[in-house]
Amino acid sequence: KRGRTADWRAKLRRDWPLLLMNLPMLLLVVAFWWIPGLGNIIAFQDYSPYSGGILGSPVIGFTNFALLFQDPQFLRAIVNTLSITAFQLIFYFPVPIMLALLLNSVVSARLRAFVQGVVYLPYFFSWVLVVAIFQQMFGGAGLLAQLLRERGHEGVDWMTNSDTFILLLTTQTIWKDAGWGAIIFLAALSTINPSLYEAAAVDGAKRWRRMWHITLPGLRPVIILLLILRLGDALNVGFEQFMLQRGAVGSEVSEVFDTFVFYSGLRTGDLGYGAAAGLFKGLVGLLLIVAANRVAHAFGERGVYSRS
């Protein structure tokens, strides 16, 4: 025990400047994350902000959670959210990786900088602007529909088609976020030793073989880390993007977890019910991160965290 105490004191003397630097951020986390997190207790109360507040509202245990799983809208929101997450995991997650590989292969520095600027720009657009642009392109009176009508075909309106809504969402997400997501993979590519490529080229390895045996293994830790974080964020597919298009396609396909919390909790004033849904979302995310991290350890990767 004395040895552990001495070791702890030695680490404190060594690392106190770093701890002092992190103190302001720790205070912000405590003030805006941990203390507000105590408000999750209302998920177990018949909460009324006007008559009793947190201290005066009666405790009802897991009643709010039981009501959640009896609510067909909640179950539909869960199914829609997980379906969208799985779809985007397959069709969106690889896009920033491929984009980074393409940008990294561009020889001309000026051309690479120009292309990077073009693909990064949509990330800074609001979802209002993104949906408006897609409406002008793929709506019933959009550019694509007009071109089809001019050529004697029937116009299409993809912005109100509930059958292709998940494809529309993924396309919007790719256009808006793929360029920004490629930055992380470009940074990872810059850490790969160029001598590995030179040695492989001397041994006769072509471009595809160098990418398969050098580039992708170099990106694997980053890919696994981001995949774990994405799985932990599986129930968080966005809010604005769905709110803006909910009226066009209907709630059957656009009701996701965040919109459910808004309409069933905040908008109706049933804050305890909404808090129960939010707490369930957080617990599921935590379990997914822990499970995915263990799988990463099984494959020899560090994952999000590891025991020292």
C-alpha atoms as a PDB file:
ATOM      1  CA  LYS A   1       0.000   0.000   0.000  1.00  0.00           C
ATOM      2  CA  ARG A   2       2.859   2.376   0.845  1.00  0.00           C
ATOM      3  CA  GLY A   3       4.476   1.614  -2.497  1.00  0.00           C
ATOM      4  CA  ARG A   4       1.300   2.498  -4.362  1.00  0.00           C
ATOM      5  CA  THR A   5       0.947   5.738  -2.381  1.00  0.00           C
ATOM      6  CA  ALA A   6       4.553   6.703  -3.153  1.00  0.00           C
ATOM      7  CA  ASP A   7       4.023   5.893  -6.821  1.00  0.00           C
ATOM      8  CA  TRP A   8       0.854   8.033  -6.897  1.00  0.00           C
ATOM      9  CA  ARG A   9       2.725  10.959  -5.294  1.00  0.00           C
ATOM     10  CA  ALA A  10       5.605  10.610  -7.762  1.00  0.00           C
ATOM     11  CA  LYS A  11       3.154  10.719 -10.681  1.00  0.00           C
ATOM     12  CA  LEU A  12       1.464  13.766  -9.155  1.00  0.00           C
ATOM     13  CA  ARG A  13       4.791  15.620  -8.838  1.00  0.00           C
ATOM     14  CA  ARG A  14       5.645  14.691 -12.401  1.00  0.00           C
ATOM     15  CA  ASP A  15       2.309  15.489 -14.047  1.00  0.00           C
ATOM     16  CA  TRP A  16       0.976  18.420 -12.004  1.00  0.00           C
ATOM     17  CA  PRO A  17       1.515  20.950 -14.874  1.00  0.00           C
ATOM     18  CA  LEU A  18      -0.624  18.790 -17.202  1.00  0.00           C
ATOM     19  CA  LEU A  19      -3.284  18.382 -14.521  1.00  0.00           C
ATOM     20  CA  LEU A  20      -3.334  22.138 -13.964  1.00  0.00           C
ATOM     21  CA  MET A  21      -3.765  22.736 -17.695  1.00  0.00           C
ATOM     22  CA  ASN A  22      -6.723  20.345 -17.765  1.00  0.00           C
ATOM     23  CA  LEU A  23      -8.387  21.851 -14.690  1.00  0.00           C
ATOM     24  CA  PRO A  24     -10.446  24.513 -16.570  1.00  0.00           C
ATOM     25  CA  MET A  25     -11.824  21.897 -18.961  1.00  0.00           C
ATOM     26  CA  LEU A  26     -12.572  19.571 -16.053  1.00  0.00           C
ATOM     27  CA  LEU A  27     -14.528  22.345 -14.349  1.00  0.00           C
ATOM     28  CA  LEU A  28     -16.506  22.935 -17.562  1.00  0.00           C
ATOM     29  CA  VAL A  29     -17.310  19.214 -17.814  1.00  0.00           C
ATOM     30  CA  VAL A  30     -18.437  19.142 -14.188  1.00  0.00           C
ATOM     31  CA  ALA A  31     -20.546  22.294 -14.583  1.00  0.00           C
ATOM     32  CA  PHE A  32     -22.213  21.494 -17.913  1.00  0.00           C
ATOM     33  CA  TRP A  33     -22.179  17.671 -18.054  1.00  0.00           C
ATOM     34  CA  TRP A  34     -21.970  15.977 -14.678  1.00  0.00           C
ATOM     35  CA  ILE A  35     -24.148  18.321 -12.612  1.00  0.00           C
ATOM     36  CA  PRO A  36     -26.908  18.587 -15.268  1.00  0.00           C
ATOM     37  CA  GLY A  37     -26.660  14.804 -15.635  1.00  0.00           C
ATOM     38  CA  LEU A  38     -28.073  14.507 -12.125  1.00  0.00           C
ATOM     39  CA  GLY A  39     -31.335  15.765 -13.615  1.00  0.00           C
ATOM     40  CA  ASN A  40     -31.856  12.317 -15.121  1.00  0.00           C
ATOM     41  CA  ILE A  41     -33.555  11.483 -11.840  1.00  0.00           C
ATOM     42  CA  ILE A  42     -36.763  12.936 -13.299  1.00  0.00           C
ATOM     43  CA  ALA A  43     -36.927   9.847 -15.540  1.00  0.00           C
ATOM     44  CA  PHE A  44     -37.987   7.987 -12.379  1.00  0.00           C
ATOM     45  CA  GLN A  45     -40.488  10.647 -11.267  1.00  0.00           C
ATOM     46  CA  ASP A  46     -43.898  11.928 -12.209  1.00  0.00           C
ATOM     47  CA  TYR A  47     -42.104  15.190 -12.817  1.00  0.00           C
ATOM     48  CA  SER A  48     -43.845  18.544 -12.739  1.00  0.00           C
ATOM     49  CA  PRO A  49     -41.646  21.651 -12.932  1.00  0.00           C
ATOM     50  CA  TYR A  50     -44.423  23.884 -11.545  1.00  0.00           C
ATOM     51  CA  SER A  51     -45.930  21.972  -8.640  1.00  0.00           C
ATOM     52  CA  GLY A  52     -43.023  20.094  -7.104  1.00  0.00           C
ATOM     53  CA  GLY A  53     -39.857  20.273  -9.142  1.00  0.00           C
ATOM     54  CA  ILE A  54     -37.159  17.632  -8.777  1.00  0.00           C
ATOM     55  CA  LEU A  55     -37.335  17.588  -4.982  1.00  0.00           C
ATOM     56  CA  GLY A  56     -41.133  17.579  -4.719  1.00  0.00           C
ATOM     57  CA  SER A  57     -42.245  15.333  -7.610  1.00  0.00           C
ATOM     58  CA  PRO A  58     -43.338  11.816  -6.604  1.00  0.00           C
ATOM     59  CA  VAL A  59     -41.083   8.883  -7.447  1.00  0.00           C
ATOM     60  CA  ILE A  60     -42.748   6.339  -9.757  1.00  0.00           C
ATOM     61  CA  GLY A  61     -39.803   4.002 -10.380  1.00  0.00           C
ATOM     62  CA  PHE A  62     -39.567   2.499 -13.851  1.00  0.00           C
ATOM     63  CA  THR A  63     -43.097   3.456 -14.913  1.00  0.00           C
ATOM     64  CA  ASN A  64     -41.870   5.867 -17.596  1.00  0.00           C
ATOM     65  CA  PHE A  65     -39.636   3.158 -19.066  1.00  0.00           C
ATOM     66  CA  ALA A  66     -42.503   0.659 -19.085  1.00  0.00           C
ATOM     67  CA  LEU A  67     -44.677   3.192 -20.910  1.00  0.00           C
ATOM     68  CA  LEU A  68     -41.903   3.732 -23.438  1.00  0.00           C
ATOM     69  CA  PHE A  69     -41.856   0.111 -24.533  1.00  0.00           C
ATOM     70  CA  GLN A  70     -45.635   0.100 -24.781  1.00  0.00           C
ATOM     71  CA  ASP A  71     -45.602   3.126 -27.080  1.00  0.00           C
ATOM     72  CA  PRO A  72     -45.722   2.091 -30.774  1.00  0.00           C
ATOM     73  CA  GLN A  73     -44.209   5.434 -31.796  1.00  0.00           C
ATOM     74  CA  PHE A  74     -41.165   4.753 -29.601  1.00  0.00           C
ATOM     75  CA  LEU A  75     -40.698   1.297 -31.096  1.00  0.00           C
ATOM     76  CA  ARG A  76     -41.054   2.732 -34.595  1.00  0.00           C
ATOM     77  CA  ALA A  77     -38.470   5.410 -33.760  1.00  0.00           C
ATOM     78  CA  ILE A  78     -36.040   2.736 -32.548  1.00  0.00           C
ATOM     79  CA  VAL A  79     -36.499   0.659 -35.719  1.00  0.00           C
ATOM     80  CA  ASN A  80     -36.101   3.707 -37.987  1.00  0.00           C
ATOM     81  CA  THR A  81     -33.031   4.928 -36.121  1.00  0.00           C
ATOM     82  CA  LEU A  82     -31.254   1.565 -36.181  1.00  0.00           C
ATOM     83  CA  SER A  83     -32.173   1.035 -39.848  1.00  0.00           C
ATOM     84  CA  ILE A  84     -30.740   4.415 -40.824  1.00  0.00           C
ATOM     85  CA  THR A  85     -27.611   3.813 -38.743  1.00  0.00           C
ATOM     86  CA  ALA A  86     -27.012   0.404 -40.326  1.00  0.00           C
ATOM     87  CA  PHE A  87     -27.632   1.765 -43.833  1.00  0.00           C
ATOM     88  CA  GLN A  88     -25.267   4.696 -43.345  1.00  0.00           C
ATOM     89  CA  LEU A  89     -22.672   2.444 -41.712  1.00  0.00           C
ATOM     90  CA  ILE A  90     -22.537   0.427 -44.928  1.00  0.00           C
ATOM     91  CA  PHE A  91     -22.922   3.162 -47.546  1.00  0.00           C
ATOM     92  CA  TYR A  92     -21.600   6.318 -45.838  1.00  0.00           C
ATOM     93  CA  PHE A  93     -18.817   5.203 -43.479  1.00  0.00           C
ATOM     94  CA  PRO A  94     -16.480   3.963 -46.273  1.00  0.00           C
ATOM     95  CA  VAL A  95     -16.913   7.151 -48.356  1.00  0.00           C
ATOM     96  CA  PRO A  96     -14.551   9.412 -46.317  1.00  0.00           C
ATOM     97  CA  ILE A  97     -11.942   6.623 -46.401  1.00  0.00           C
ATOM     98  CA  MET A  98     -12.152   6.307 -50.196  1.00  0.00           C
ATOM     99  CA  LEU A  99     -12.161  10.090 -50.583  1.00  0.00           C
ATOM    100  CA  ALA A 100      -9.023  10.383 -48.437  1.00  0.00           C
ATOM    101  CA  LEU A 101      -7.300   7.703 -50.508  1.00  0.00           C
ATOM    102  CA  LEU A 102      -8.215   9.523 -53.723  1.00  0.00           C
ATOM    103  CA  LEU A 103      -7.034  12.896 -52.423  1.00  0.00           C
ATOM    104  CA  ASN A 104      -3.817  11.357 -51.142  1.00  0.00           C
ATOM    105  CA  SER A 105      -3.108   9.929 -54.600  1.00  0.00           C
ATOM    106  CA  VAL A 106      -3.367  13.322 -56.338  1.00  0.00           C
ATOM    107  CA  VAL A 107       0.181  14.342 -57.295  1.00  0.00           C
ATOM    108  CA  SER A 108      -0.413  18.042 -57.895  1.00  0.00           C
ATOM    109  CA  ALA A 109      -0.492  19.953 -54.599  1.00  0.00           C
ATOM    110  CA  ARG A 110      -2.577  22.771 -56.109  1.00  0.00           C
ATOM    111  CA  LEU A 111      -5.165  20.411 -57.537  1.00  0.00           C
ATOM    112  CA  ARG A 112      -5.338  18.516 -54.233  1.00  0.00           C
ATOM    113  CA  ALA A 113      -5.852  21.756 -52.288  1.00  0.00           C
ATOM    114  CA  PHE A 114      -8.596  22.854 -54.713  1.00  0.00           C
ATOM    115  CA  VAL A 115     -10.449  19.534 -54.505  1.00  0.00           C
ATOM    116  CA  GLN A 116     -10.151  19.520 -50.714  1.00  0.00           C
ATOM    117  CA  GLY A 117     -11.647  22.990 -50.522  1.00  0.00           C
ATOM    118  CA  VAL A 118     -14.553  21.986 -52.747  1.00  0.00           C
ATOM    119  CA  VAL A 119     -15.432  18.828 -50.803  1.00  0.00           C
ATOM    120  CA  TYR A 120     -14.942  20.487 -47.378  1.00  0.00           C
ATOM    121  CA  LEU A 121     -17.214  23.447 -48.135  1.00  0.00           C
ATOM    122  CA  PRO A 122     -20.635  21.724 -47.716  1.00  0.00           C
ATOM    123  CA  TYR A 123     -19.754  20.809 -44.123  1.00  0.00           C
ATOM    124  CA  PHE A 124     -20.160  24.469 -43.161  1.00  0.00           C
ATOM    125  CA  PHE A 125     -23.649  24.699 -44.681  1.00  0.00           C
ATOM    126  CA  SER A 126     -26.615  24.473 -42.331  1.00  0.00           C
ATOM    127  CA  TRP A 127     -29.098  21.650 -42.806  1.00  0.00           C
ATOM    128  CA  VAL A 128     -31.667  24.243 -43.866  1.00  0.00           C
ATOM    129  CA  LEU A 129     -29.473  25.183 -46.814  1.00  0.00           C
ATOM    130  CA  VAL A 130     -28.631  21.562 -47.635  1.00  0.00           C
ATOM    131  CA  VAL A 131     -32.308  20.527 -47.741  1.00  0.00           C
ATOM    132  CA  ALA A 132     -33.128  23.623 -49.814  1.00  0.00           C
ATOM    133  CA  ILE A 133     -30.431  22.749 -52.357  1.00  0.00           C
ATOM    134  CA  PHE A 134     -31.685  19.177 -52.643  1.00  0.00           C
ATOM    135  CA  GLN A 135     -35.236  20.465 -52.995  1.00  0.00           C
ATOM    136  CA  GLN A 136     -34.164  22.631 -55.929  1.00  0.00           C
ATOM    137  CA  MET A 137     -32.381  19.671 -57.506  1.00  0.00           C
ATOM    138  CA  PHE A 138     -34.618  16.673 -56.779  1.00  0.00           C
ATOM    139  CA  GLY A 139     -37.982  18.150 -55.765  1.00  0.00           C
ATOM    140  CA  GLY A 140     -41.179  18.032 -57.824  1.00  0.00           C
ATOM    141  CA  ALA A 141     -40.336  21.393 -59.394  1.00  0.00           C
ATOM    142  CA  GLY A 142     -36.594  20.829 -59.223  1.00  0.00           C
ATOM    143  CA  LEU A 143     -33.981  20.754 -61.950  1.00  0.00           C
ATOM    144  CA  LEU A 144     -34.078  16.989 -62.496  1.00  0.00           C
ATOM    145  CA  ALA A 145     -37.887  16.883 -62.792  1.00  0.00           C
ATOM    146  CA  GLN A 146     -37.878  19.765 -65.288  1.00  0.00           C
ATOM    147  CA  LEU A 147     -35.216  18.100 -67.439  1.00  0.00           C
ATOM    148  CA  LEU A 148     -37.226  14.882 -67.510  1.00  0.00           C
ATOM    149  CA  ARG A 149     -40.444  16.728 -68.471  1.00  0.00           C
ATOM    150  CA  GLU A 150     -38.656  18.591 -71.276  1.00  0.00           C
ATOM    151  CA  ARG A 151     -37.674  15.227 -72.745  1.00  0.00           C
ATOM    152  CA  GLY A 152     -41.187  13.809 -72.536  1.00  0.00           C
ATOM    153  CA  HIS A 153     -40.777  11.798 -69.355  1.00  0.00           C
ATOM    154  CA  GLU A 154     -42.712  12.001 -66.119  1.00  0.00           C
ATOM    155  CA  GLY A 155     -41.094  14.186 -63.472  1.00  0.00           C
ATOM    156  CA  VAL A 156     -39.955  12.704 -60.190  1.00  0.00           C
ATOM    157  CA  ASP A 157     -40.161  14.106 -56.681  1.00  0.00           C
ATOM    158  CA  TRP A 158     -37.651  12.319 -54.484  1.00  0.00           C
ATOM    159  CA  MET A 159     -38.096  14.825 -51.667  1.00  0.00           C
ATOM    160  CA  THR A 160     -41.577  13.495 -50.835  1.00  0.00           C
ATOM    161  CA  ASN A 161     -41.029   9.823 -51.629  1.00  0.00           C
ATOM    162  CA  SER A 162     -41.086   7.895 -48.361  1.00  0.00           C
ATOM    163  CA  ASP A 163     -39.818   4.710 -50.041  1.00  0.00           C
ATOM    164  CA  THR A 164     -36.475   6.305 -50.946  1.00  0.00           C
ATOM    165  CA  PHE A 165     -36.181   8.564 -47.884  1.00  0.00           C
ATOM    166  CA  ILE A 166     -33.328   6.572 -46.343  1.00  0.00           C
ATOM    167  CA  LEU A 167     -31.367   6.853 -49.605  1.00  0.00           C
ATOM    168  CA  LEU A 168     -32.053  10.594 -49.724  1.00  0.00           C
ATOM    169  CA  LEU A 169     -30.812  11.010 -46.146  1.00  0.00           C
ATOM    170  CA  THR A 170     -27.608   9.116 -46.860  1.00  0.00           C
ATOM    171  CA  THR A 171     -26.968  11.106 -50.034  1.00  0.00           C
ATOM    172  CA  GLN A 172     -27.406  14.375 -48.151  1.00  0.00           C
ATOM    173  CA  THR A 173     -25.072  13.185 -45.378  1.00  0.00           C
ATOM    174  CA  ILE A 174     -22.403  12.101 -47.872  1.00  0.00           C
ATOM    175  CA  TRP A 175     -22.552  15.418 -49.713  1.00  0.00           C
ATOM    176  CA  LYS A 176     -22.392  17.452 -46.526  1.00  0.00           C
ATOM    177  CA  ASP A 177     -20.023  15.513 -44.241  1.00  0.00           C
ATOM    178  CA  ALA A 178     -17.825  13.189 -46.296  1.00  0.00           C
ATOM    179  CA  GLY A 179     -15.254  15.857 -47.114  1.00  0.00           C
ATOM    180  CA  TRP A 180     -14.838  16.844 -43.499  1.00  0.00           C
ATOM    181  CA  GLY A 181     -14.686  13.219 -42.378  1.00  0.00           C
ATOM    182  CA  ALA A 182     -11.826  12.590 -44.804  1.00  0.00           C
ATOM    183  CA  ILE A 183      -9.599  14.976 -42.830  1.00  0.00           C
ATOM    184  CA  ILE A 184      -9.016  12.408 -40.084  1.00  0.00           C
ATOM    185  CA  PHE A 185      -8.005   9.736 -42.579  1.00  0.00           C
ATOM    186  CA  LEU A 186      -5.736  12.149 -44.443  1.00  0.00           C
ATOM    187  CA  ALA A 187      -4.011  12.892 -41.148  1.00  0.00           C
ATOM    188  CA  ALA A 188      -3.594   9.157 -40.542  1.00  0.00           C
ATOM    189  CA  LEU A 189      -2.184   8.692 -44.042  1.00  0.00           C
ATOM    190  CA  SER A 190       0.452  11.343 -43.377  1.00  0.00           C
ATOM    191  CA  THR A 191       1.855   9.235 -40.510  1.00  0.00           C
ATOM    192  CA  ILE A 192       2.636   6.220 -42.738  1.00  0.00           C
ATOM    193  CA  ASN A 193       6.367   5.951 -43.417  1.00  0.00           C
ATOM    194  CA  PRO A 194       7.031   6.727 -47.135  1.00  0.00           C
ATOM    195  CA  SER A 195       9.959   4.303 -47.112  1.00  0.00           C
ATOM    196  CA  LEU A 196       7.432   1.462 -46.886  1.00  0.00           C
ATOM    197  CA  TYR A 197       5.990   2.470 -50.259  1.00  0.00           C
ATOM    198  CA  GLU A 198       9.468   2.843 -51.741  1.00  0.00           C
ATOM    199  CA  ALA A 199      10.514  -0.603 -50.518  1.00  0.00           C
ATOM    200  CA  ALA A 200       7.305  -2.150 -51.844  1.00  0.00           C
ATOM    201  CA  ALA A 201       7.792  -0.464 -55.236  1.00  0.00           C
ATOM    202  CA  VAL A 202      11.347  -1.795 -55.435  1.00  0.00           C
ATOM    203  CA  ASP A 203       9.989  -5.284 -54.734  1.00  0.00           C
ATOM    204  CA  GLY A 204       7.594  -4.887 -57.646  1.00  0.00           C
ATOM    205  CA  ALA A 205       4.354  -4.137 -55.793  1.00  0.00           C
ATOM    206  CA  LYS A 206       1.863  -2.207 -57.916  1.00  0.00           C
ATOM    207  CA  ARG A 207      -0.334   0.635 -56.637  1.00  0.00           C
ATOM    208  CA  TRP A 208      -3.275  -1.540 -55.590  1.00  0.00           C
ATOM    209  CA  ARG A 209      -1.040  -4.003 -53.756  1.00  0.00           C
ATOM    210  CA  ARG A 210       0.717  -1.147 -51.928  1.00  0.00           C
ATOM    211  CA  MET A 211      -2.632   0.256 -50.893  1.00  0.00           C
ATOM    212  CA  TRP A 212      -3.861  -3.148 -49.686  1.00  0.00           C
ATOM    213  CA  HIS A 213      -0.739  -4.104 -47.723  1.00  0.00           C
ATOM    214  CA  ILE A 214       0.513  -0.692 -46.517  1.00  0.00           C
ATOM    215  CA  THR A 215      -2.159   2.015 -46.684  1.00  0.00           C
ATOM    216  CA  LEU A 216      -5.170   0.126 -45.330  1.00  0.00           C
ATOM    217  CA  PRO A 217      -3.230  -1.521 -42.448  1.00  0.00           C
ATOM    218  CA  GLY A 218      -1.939   1.951 -41.558  1.00  0.00           C
ATOM    219  CA  LEU A 219      -5.511   3.256 -41.451  1.00  0.00           C
ATOM    220  CA  ARG A 220      -6.918   0.290 -39.537  1.00  0.00           C
ATOM    221  CA  PRO A 221      -6.517   1.734 -35.986  1.00  0.00           C
ATOM    222  CA  VAL A 222      -8.272   4.961 -36.999  1.00  0.00           C
ATOM    223  CA  ILE A 223     -11.012   3.081 -38.859  1.00  0.00           C
ATOM    224  CA  ILE A 224     -11.693   0.872 -35.841  1.00  0.00           C
ATOM    225  CA  LEU A 225     -11.685   3.860 -33.461  1.00  0.00           C
ATOM    226  CA  LEU A 226     -14.186   5.815 -35.568  1.00  0.00           C
ATOM    227  CA  LEU A 227     -16.295   2.704 -36.069  1.00  0.00           C
ATOM    228  CA  ILE A 228     -16.514   2.229 -32.298  1.00  0.00           C
ATOM    229  CA  LEU A 229     -17.516   5.854 -31.812  1.00  0.00           C
ATOM    230  CA  ARG A 230     -20.113   5.544 -34.572  1.00  0.00           C
ATOM    231  CA  LEU A 231     -21.607   2.455 -32.960  1.00  0.00           C
ATOM    232  CA  GLY A 232     -21.759   4.258 -29.626  1.00  0.00           C
ATOM    233  CA  ASP A 233     -23.610   7.044 -31.400  1.00  0.00           C
ATOM    234  CA  ALA A 234     -25.972   4.637 -33.151  1.00  0.00           C
ATOM    235  CA  LEU A 235     -29.148   6.186 -31.700  1.00  0.00           C
ATOM    236  CA  ASN A 236     -28.070   9.700 -32.625  1.00  0.00           C
ATOM    237  CA  VAL A 237     -28.723  10.173 -36.340  1.00  0.00           C
ATOM    238  CA  GLY A 238     -29.511  13.864 -36.161  1.00  0.00           C
ATOM    239  CA  PHE A 239     -32.419  16.178 -35.481  1.00  0.00           C
ATOM    240  CA  GLU A 240     -32.517  19.099 -37.908  1.00  0.00           C
ATOM    241  CA  GLN A 241     -32.256  16.937 -41.006  1.00  0.00           C
ATOM    242  CA  PHE A 242     -35.344  14.951 -39.972  1.00  0.00           C
ATOM    243  CA  MET A 243     -37.358  17.857 -38.615  1.00  0.00           C
ATOM    244  CA  LEU A 244     -36.966  19.768 -41.865  1.00  0.00           C
ATOM    245  CA  GLN A 245     -38.255  16.858 -43.984  1.00  0.00           C
ATOM    246  CA  ARG A 246     -40.771  15.304 -41.599  1.00  0.00           C
ATOM    247  CA  GLY A 247     -43.765  17.071 -43.145  1.00  0.00           C
ATOM    248  CA  ALA A 248     -42.787  16.015 -46.686  1.00  0.00           C
ATOM    249  CA  VAL A 249     -42.355  12.271 -46.120  1.00  0.00           C
ATOM    250  CA  GLY A 250     -44.432  11.674 -42.981  1.00  0.00           C
ATOM    251  CA  SER A 251     -43.544  10.482 -39.503  1.00  0.00           C
ATOM    252  CA  GLU A 252     -43.703   6.794 -40.435  1.00  0.00           C
ATOM    253  CA  VAL A 253     -40.214   6.918 -41.969  1.00  0.00           C
ATOM    254  CA  SER A 254     -38.817  10.112 -40.441  1.00  0.00           C
ATOM    255  CA  GLU A 255     -39.566   9.440 -36.757  1.00  0.00           C
ATOM    256  CA  VAL A 256     -36.187   8.829 -35.111  1.00  0.00           C
ATOM    257  CA  PHE A 257     -35.070   8.905 -31.512  1.00  0.00           C
ATOM    258  CA  ASP A 258     -34.370  12.629 -31.285  1.00  0.00           C
ATOM    259  CA  THR A 259     -37.636  13.670 -32.934  1.00  0.00           C
ATOM    260  CA  PHE A 260     -39.532  11.259 -30.662  1.00  0.00           C
ATOM    261  CA  VAL A 261     -37.999  12.869 -27.563  1.00  0.00           C
ATOM    262  CA  PHE A 262     -38.938  16.300 -28.880  1.00  0.00           C
ATOM    263  CA  TYR A 263     -42.559  15.524 -29.778  1.00  0.00           C
ATOM    264  CA  SER A 264     -43.361  13.100 -26.946  1.00  0.00           C
ATOM    265  CA  GLY A 265     -41.385  14.756 -24.165  1.00  0.00           C
ATOM    266  CA  LEU A 266     -40.555  18.404 -24.691  1.00  0.00           C
ATOM    267  CA  ARG A 267     -43.487  19.485 -26.854  1.00  0.00           C
ATOM    268  CA  THR A 268     -46.122  17.803 -24.692  1.00  0.00           C
ATOM    269  CA  GLY A 269     -44.510  18.911 -21.429  1.00  0.00           C
ATOM    270  CA  ASP A 270     -44.044  15.327 -20.203  1.00  0.00           C
ATOM    271  CA  LEU A 271     -40.419  15.896 -19.282  1.00  0.00           C
ATOM    272  CA  GLY A 272     -40.080  12.743 -17.182  1.00  0.00           C
ATOM    273  CA  TYR A 273     -41.152  10.639 -20.157  1.00  0.00           C
ATOM    274  CA  GLY A 274     -38.685  12.426 -22.437  1.00  0.00           C
ATOM    275  CA  ALA A 275     -35.910  12.062 -19.856  1.00  0.00           C
ATOM    276  CA  ALA A 276     -36.561   8.312 -19.680  1.00  0.00           C
ATOM    277  CA  ALA A 277     -36.166   8.070 -23.453  1.00  0.00           C
ATOM    278  CA  GLY A 278     -32.972  10.121 -23.332  1.00  0.00           C
ATOM    279  CA  LEU A 279     -31.531   8.021 -20.502  1.00  0.00           C
ATOM    280  CA  PHE A 280     -32.328   4.832 -22.415  1.00  0.00           C
ATOM    281  CA  LYS A 281     -30.500   6.266 -25.424  1.00  0.00           C
ATOM    282  CA  GLY A 282     -27.418   7.047 -23.347  1.00  0.00           C
ATOM    283  CA  LEU A 283     -27.311   3.595 -21.755  1.00  0.00           C
ATOM    284  CA  VAL A 284     -27.612   1.849 -25.125  1.00  0.00           C
ATOM    285  CA  GLY A 285     -24.816   4.009 -26.520  1.00  0.00           C
ATOM    286  CA  LEU A 286     -22.595   3.166 -23.545  1.00  0.00           C
ATOM    287  CA  LEU A 287     -23.215  -0.568 -23.933  1.00  0.00           C
ATOM    288  CA  LEU A 288     -22.449  -0.409 -27.661  1.00  0.00           C
ATOM    289  CA  ILE A 289     -19.165   1.425 -27.045  1.00  0.00           C
ATOM    290  CA  VAL A 290     -18.064  -1.081 -24.386  1.00  0.00           C
ATOM    291  CA  ALA A 291     -18.990  -4.051 -26.592  1.00  0.00           C
ATOM    292  CA  ALA A 292     -17.301  -2.626 -29.695  1.00  0.00           C
ATOM    293  CA  ASN A 293     -14.217  -1.709 -27.678  1.00  0.00           C
ATOM    294  CA  ARG A 294     -13.899  -5.298 -26.431  1.00  0.00           C
ATOM    295  CA  VAL A 295     -14.139  -6.549 -29.992  1.00  0.00           C
ATOM    296  CA  ALA A 296     -11.344  -4.115 -30.950  1.00  0.00           C
ATOM    297  CA  HIS A 297      -9.180  -5.489 -28.121  1.00  0.00           C
ATOM    298  CA  ALA A 298      -9.846  -9.011 -29.379  1.00  0.00           C
ATOM    299  CA  PHE A 299      -8.401  -7.966 -32.764  1.00  0.00           C
ATOM    300  CA  GLY A 300      -5.326  -6.455 -31.123  1.00  0.00           C
ATOM    301  CA  GLU A 301      -6.327  -2.774 -31.375  1.00  0.00           C
ATOM    302  CA  ARG A 302      -6.402  -0.213 -28.578  1.00  0.00           C
ATOM    303  CA  GLY A 303      -9.915   1.008 -29.316  1.00  0.00           C
ATOM    304  CA  VAL A 304     -11.272   4.004 -27.406  1.00  0.00           C
ATOM    305  CA  TYR A 305      -9.676   3.034 -24.113  1.00  0.00           C
ATOM    306  CA  SER A 306      -7.531   0.247 -22.696  1.00  0.00           C
ATOM    307  CA  ARG A 307      -6.334  -0.783 -19.298  1.00  0.00           C
ATOM    308  CA  SER A 308      -2.762   0.254 -18.590  1.00  0.00           C
END
